[in-house]
C-alpha atoms as a PDB file:
ATOM      1  CA  UNK A   1      71.750  35.057 -59.540  1.00  0.00           C
ATOM      2  CA  UNK A   2      73.920  34.245 -56.502  1.00  0.00           C
ATOM      3  CA  UNK A   3      74.541  30.706 -57.833  1.00  0.00           C
ATOM      4  CA  UNK A   4      75.583  32.082 -61.220  1.00  0.00           C
ATOM      5  CA  UNK A   5      78.021  34.529 -59.619  1.00  0.00           C
ATOM      6  CA  UNK A   6      79.416  31.771 -57.398  1.00  0.00           C
ATOM      7  CA  UNK A   7      79.975  29.500 -60.395  1.00  0.00           C
ATOM      8  CA  UNK A   8      81.672  32.319 -62.342  1.00  0.00           C
ATOM      9  CA  UNK A   9      83.890  33.082 -59.328  1.00  0.00           C
ATOM     10  CA  UNK A  10      84.922  29.425 -58.928  1.00  0.00           C
ATOM     11  CA  UNK A  11      85.676  29.088 -62.650  1.00  0.00           C
ATOM     12  CA  UNK A  12      87.723  32.290 -62.626  1.00  0.00           C
ATOM     13  CA  UNK A  13      89.642  31.115 -59.559  1.00  0.00           C
ATOM     14  CA  UNK A  14      90.475  27.812 -61.270  1.00  0.00           C
ATOM     15  CA  UNK A  15      91.642  29.649 -64.373  1.00  0.00           C
ATOM     16  CA  UNK A  16      93.903  32.004 -62.407  1.00  0.00           C
ATOM     17  CA  UNK A  17      95.396  29.158 -60.337  1.00  0.00           C
ATOM     18  CA  UNK A  18      96.308  27.255 -63.508  1.00  0.00           C
ATOM     19  CA  UNK A  19      98.528  30.051 -64.877  1.00  0.00           C
ATOM     20  CA  UNK A  20     102.245  29.368 -64.839  1.00  0.00           C
ATOM     21  CA  UNK A  21     104.706  31.662 -63.113  1.00  0.00           C
ATOM     22  CA  UNK A  22     107.777  32.600 -65.152  1.00  0.00           C
ATOM     23  CA  UNK A  23     109.007  30.952 -68.323  1.00  0.00           C
ATOM     24  CA  UNK A  24     107.923  27.369 -68.832  1.00  0.00           C
ATOM     25  CA  UNK A  25     111.370  26.489 -70.129  1.00  0.00           C
ATOM     26  CA  UNK A  26     114.139  27.554 -72.445  1.00  0.00           C
ATOM     27  CA  UNK A  27     116.511  25.146 -74.105  1.00  0.00           C
ATOM     28  CA  UNK A  28     119.604  25.116 -76.273  1.00  0.00           C
ATOM     29  CA  UNK A  29     121.256  22.334 -78.217  1.00  0.00           C
ATOM     30  CA  UNK A  30     125.034  22.106 -78.118  1.00  0.00           C
ATOM     31  CA  UNK A  31     127.113  21.359 -81.217  1.00  0.00           C
ATOM     32  CA  UNK A  32     127.436  17.707 -80.156  1.00  0.00           C
ATOM     33  CA  UNK A  33     123.653  17.266 -79.811  1.00  0.00           C
ATOM     34  CA  UNK A  34     123.423  17.469 -76.027  1.00  0.00           C
ATOM     35  CA  UNK A  35     120.560  19.594 -74.709  1.00  0.00           C
ATOM     36  CA  UNK A  36     120.502  22.069 -71.835  1.00  0.00           C
ATOM     37  CA  UNK A  37     117.064  22.783 -70.399  1.00  0.00           C
ATOM     38  CA  UNK A  38     116.645  25.887 -68.204  1.00  0.00           C
ATOM     39  CA  UNK A  39     113.524  26.301 -66.053  1.00  0.00           C
ATOM     40  CA  UNK A  40     112.414  29.006 -63.640  1.00  0.00           C
ATOM     41  CA  UNK A  41     111.348  27.594 -60.278  1.00  0.00           C
ATOM     42  CA  UNK A  42     107.865  26.086 -60.306  1.00  0.00           C
ATOM     43  CA  UNK A  43     105.248  28.321 -58.634  1.00  0.00           C
ATOM     44  CA  UNK A  44     107.842  31.023 -57.911  1.00  0.00           C
ATOM     45  CA  UNK A  45     107.026  34.646 -58.758  1.00  0.00           C
ATOM     46  CA  UNK A  46     108.496  36.030 -61.961  1.00  0.00           C
ATOM     47  CA  UNK A  47     110.370  38.726 -60.093  1.00  0.00           C
ATOM     48  CA  UNK A  48     112.630  36.569 -57.907  1.00  0.00           C
ATOM     49  CA  UNK A  49     113.452  32.966 -57.165  1.00  0.00           C
ATOM     50  CA  UNK A  50     115.576  30.251 -58.695  1.00  0.00           C
ATOM     51  CA  UNK A  51     116.222  28.437 -61.928  1.00  0.00           C
ATOM     52  CA  UNK A  52     117.516  25.007 -62.812  1.00  0.00           C
ATOM     53  CA  UNK A  53     119.908  23.945 -65.542  1.00  0.00           C
ATOM     54  CA  UNK A  54     119.750  20.340 -66.696  1.00  0.00           C
ATOM     55  CA  UNK A  55     122.063  18.650 -69.167  1.00  0.00           C
ATOM     56  CA  UNK A  56     120.760  15.770 -71.300  1.00  0.00           C
ATOM     57  CA  UNK A  57     122.564  13.434 -73.711  1.00  0.00           C
ATOM     58  CA  UNK A  58     119.893  12.190 -76.126  1.00  0.00           C
ATOM     59  CA  UNK A  59     120.270   8.504 -76.924  1.00  0.00           C
ATOM     60  CA  UNK A  60     117.027   8.339 -78.911  1.00  0.00           C
ATOM     61  CA  UNK A  61     115.855  11.318 -80.982  1.00  0.00           C
ATOM     62  CA  UNK A  62     112.230  10.495 -80.081  1.00  0.00           C
ATOM     63  CA  UNK A  63     112.988  10.806 -76.343  1.00  0.00           C
ATOM     64  CA  UNK A  64     115.627  13.532 -75.989  1.00  0.00           C
ATOM     65  CA  UNK A  65     115.138  14.009 -72.242  1.00  0.00           C
ATOM     66  CA  UNK A  66     115.441  10.359 -71.174  1.00  0.00           C
ATOM     67  CA  UNK A  67     119.182  10.490 -70.442  1.00  0.00           C
ATOM     68  CA  UNK A  68     119.817  13.095 -67.715  1.00  0.00           C
ATOM     69  CA  UNK A  69     123.533  13.799 -67.212  1.00  0.00           C
ATOM     70  CA  UNK A  70     123.891  16.646 -64.691  1.00  0.00           C
ATOM     71  CA  UNK A  71     122.205  19.746 -63.337  1.00  0.00           C
ATOM     72  CA  UNK A  72     122.313  22.547 -60.827  1.00  0.00           C
ATOM     73  CA  UNK A  73     120.198  25.309 -59.307  1.00  0.00           C
ATOM     74  CA  UNK A  74     120.894  29.040 -59.283  1.00  0.00           C
ATOM     75  CA  UNK A  75     119.346  32.136 -57.768  1.00  0.00           C
ATOM     76  CA  UNK A  76     117.648  34.693 -60.008  1.00  0.00           C
ATOM     77  CA  UNK A  77     116.483  38.290 -59.557  1.00  0.00           C
ATOM     78  CA  UNK A  78     114.077  38.661 -62.468  1.00  0.00           C
ATOM     79  CA  UNK A  79     112.871  36.618 -65.421  1.00  0.00           C
ATOM     80  CA  UNK A  80     114.999  34.368 -67.596  1.00  0.00           C
ATOM     81  CA  UNK A  81     115.154  36.301 -70.839  1.00  0.00           C
ATOM     82  CA  UNK A  82     117.577  34.510 -73.125  1.00  0.00           C
ATOM     83  CA  UNK A  83     120.191  31.775 -73.442  1.00  0.00           C
ATOM     84  CA  UNK A  84     123.384  32.360 -75.421  1.00  0.00           C
ATOM     85  CA  UNK A  85     125.995  29.799 -76.454  1.00  0.00           C
ATOM     86  CA  UNK A  86     129.510  31.159 -77.029  1.00  0.00           C
ATOM     87  CA  UNK A  87     133.172  30.251 -76.585  1.00  0.00           C
ATOM     88  CA  UNK A  88     133.930  32.511 -73.620  1.00  0.00           C
ATOM     89  CA  UNK A  89     137.149  30.782 -72.543  1.00  0.00           C
ATOM     90  CA  UNK A  90     138.766  30.534 -76.010  1.00  0.00           C
ATOM     91  CA  UNK A  91     139.053  26.744 -75.762  1.00  0.00           C
ATOM     92  CA  UNK A  92     136.865  25.909 -78.800  1.00  0.00           C
ATOM     93  CA  UNK A  93     134.073  24.687 -76.502  1.00  0.00           C
ATOM     94  CA  UNK A  94     130.653  26.246 -76.021  1.00  0.00           C
ATOM     95  CA  UNK A  95     129.770  27.927 -72.748  1.00  0.00           C
ATOM     96  CA  UNK A  96     126.249  28.989 -71.770  1.00  0.00           C
ATOM     97  CA  UNK A  97     125.129  32.466 -70.719  1.00  0.00           C
ATOM     98  CA  UNK A  98     121.767  32.765 -68.940  1.00  0.00           C
ATOM     99  CA  UNK A  99     120.431  36.331 -69.151  1.00  0.00           C
ATOM    100  CA  UNK A 100     118.035  37.558 -66.444  1.00  0.00           C
ATOM    101  CA  UNK A 101     115.928  40.719 -66.810  1.00  0.00           C
ATOM    102  CA  UNK A 102     114.844  42.393 -63.558  1.00  0.00           C
ATOM    103  CA  UNK A 103     111.142  43.177 -63.422  1.00  0.00           C
ATOM    104  CA  UNK A 104     111.470  46.240 -61.218  1.00  0.00           C
ATOM    105  CA  UNK A 105     112.108  49.796 -62.267  1.00  0.00           C
ATOM    106  CA  UNK A 106     115.066  50.017 -64.599  1.00  0.00           C
ATOM    107  CA  UNK A 107     114.688  46.513 -65.982  1.00  0.00           C
ATOM    108  CA  UNK A 108     118.433  45.933 -65.761  1.00  0.00           C
ATOM    109  CA  UNK A 109     120.022  42.861 -67.317  1.00  0.00           C
ATOM    110  CA  UNK A 110     122.240  40.443 -65.428  1.00  0.00           C
ATOM    111  CA  UNK A 111     123.644  37.073 -66.354  1.00  0.00           C
ATOM    112  CA  UNK A 112     125.559  34.015 -65.337  1.00  0.00           C
ATOM    113  CA  UNK A 113     127.943  31.998 -67.489  1.00  0.00           C
ATOM    114  CA  UNK A 114     128.457  28.236 -67.247  1.00  0.00           C
ATOM    115  CA  UNK A 115     130.970  25.802 -68.687  1.00  0.00           C
ATOM    116  CA  UNK A 116     129.667  22.486 -69.957  1.00  0.00           C
ATOM    117  CA  UNK A 117     131.883  19.406 -69.883  1.00  0.00           C
ATOM    118  CA  UNK A 118     130.781  15.967 -71.057  1.00  0.00           C
ATOM    119  CA  UNK A 119     129.346  15.181 -67.617  1.00  0.00           C
ATOM    120  CA  UNK A 120     128.959  18.444 -65.692  1.00  0.00           C
ATOM    121  CA  UNK A 121     127.718  22.046 -65.722  1.00  0.00           C
ATOM    122  CA  UNK A 122     129.938  24.439 -63.771  1.00  0.00           C
ATOM    123  CA  UNK A 123     129.317  28.085 -62.868  1.00  0.00           C
ATOM    124  CA  UNK A 124     131.981  30.392 -64.322  1.00  0.00           C
ATOM    125  CA  UNK A 125     131.044  34.062 -64.069  1.00  0.00           C
ATOM    126  CA  UNK A 126     128.273  36.425 -63.066  1.00  0.00           C
ATOM    127  CA  UNK A 127     127.618  39.979 -64.203  1.00  0.00           C
ATOM    128  CA  UNK A 128     125.146  42.479 -62.787  1.00  0.00           C
ATOM    129  CA  UNK A 129     123.977  45.551 -64.719  1.00  0.00           C
ATOM    130  CA  UNK A 130     125.162  44.393 -68.125  1.00  0.00           C
ATOM    131  CA  UNK A 131     126.012  47.354 -70.351  1.00  0.00           C
ATOM    132  CA  UNK A 132     123.646  47.100 -73.335  1.00  0.00           C
ATOM    133  CA  UNK A 133     125.808  49.474 -75.389  1.00  0.00           C
ATOM    134  CA  UNK A 134     128.581  46.823 -75.503  1.00  0.00           C
ATOM    135  CA  UNK A 135     128.515  43.271 -76.893  1.00  0.00           C
ATOM    136  CA  UNK A 136     127.276  40.894 -74.192  1.00  0.00           C
ATOM    137  CA  UNK A 137     129.644  38.056 -75.087  1.00  0.00           C
ATOM    138  CA  UNK A 138     132.687  40.348 -74.815  1.00  0.00           C
ATOM    139  CA  UNK A 139     131.587  41.455 -71.352  1.00  0.00           C
ATOM    140  CA  UNK A 140     131.489  37.857 -70.156  1.00  0.00           C
ATOM    141  CA  UNK A 141     134.764  36.996 -71.870  1.00  0.00           C
ATOM    142  CA  UNK A 142     136.594  39.910 -70.275  1.00  0.00           C
ATOM    143  CA  UNK A 143     134.903  39.952 -66.862  1.00  0.00           C
ATOM    144  CA  UNK A 144     136.533  38.732 -63.669  1.00  0.00           C
ATOM    145  CA  UNK A 145     134.682  35.916 -61.946  1.00  0.00           C
ATOM    146  CA  UNK A 146     132.405  37.103 -59.156  1.00  0.00           C
ATOM    147  CA  UNK A 147     131.380  33.614 -58.071  1.00  0.00           C
ATOM    148  CA  UNK A 148     133.566  31.548 -55.786  1.00  0.00           C
END
């Protein structure tokens, strides 16, 4: 009986250690076919940590992630909930909003906006406590930058 319990314990431990923390990945495709891949930090808790943004220019549709262009890391307080593409700067180009949902009491929503040039991702704006009674895109369009 002890051997059976030991085997069950070891199997359960292996199963638990194989679970992923946070979202595996989220991705969006820009109008020109480039791809942005957003990942929560590997082995970080869901409640806090970092995330990466990586920009790819597919050269072969069978291998869309072979041509890395640029990327950056950002801090997060919560789980990556959603990615939104919108023209926040009124320049007819898509910007990216990364929405983060806190996992604590209140579950507030925050986000960071990024511009995407042909070769670079650049941080534009950050908002904490996004007002869910107002359109999210308008809040980012009208907000003052809180990132230097």
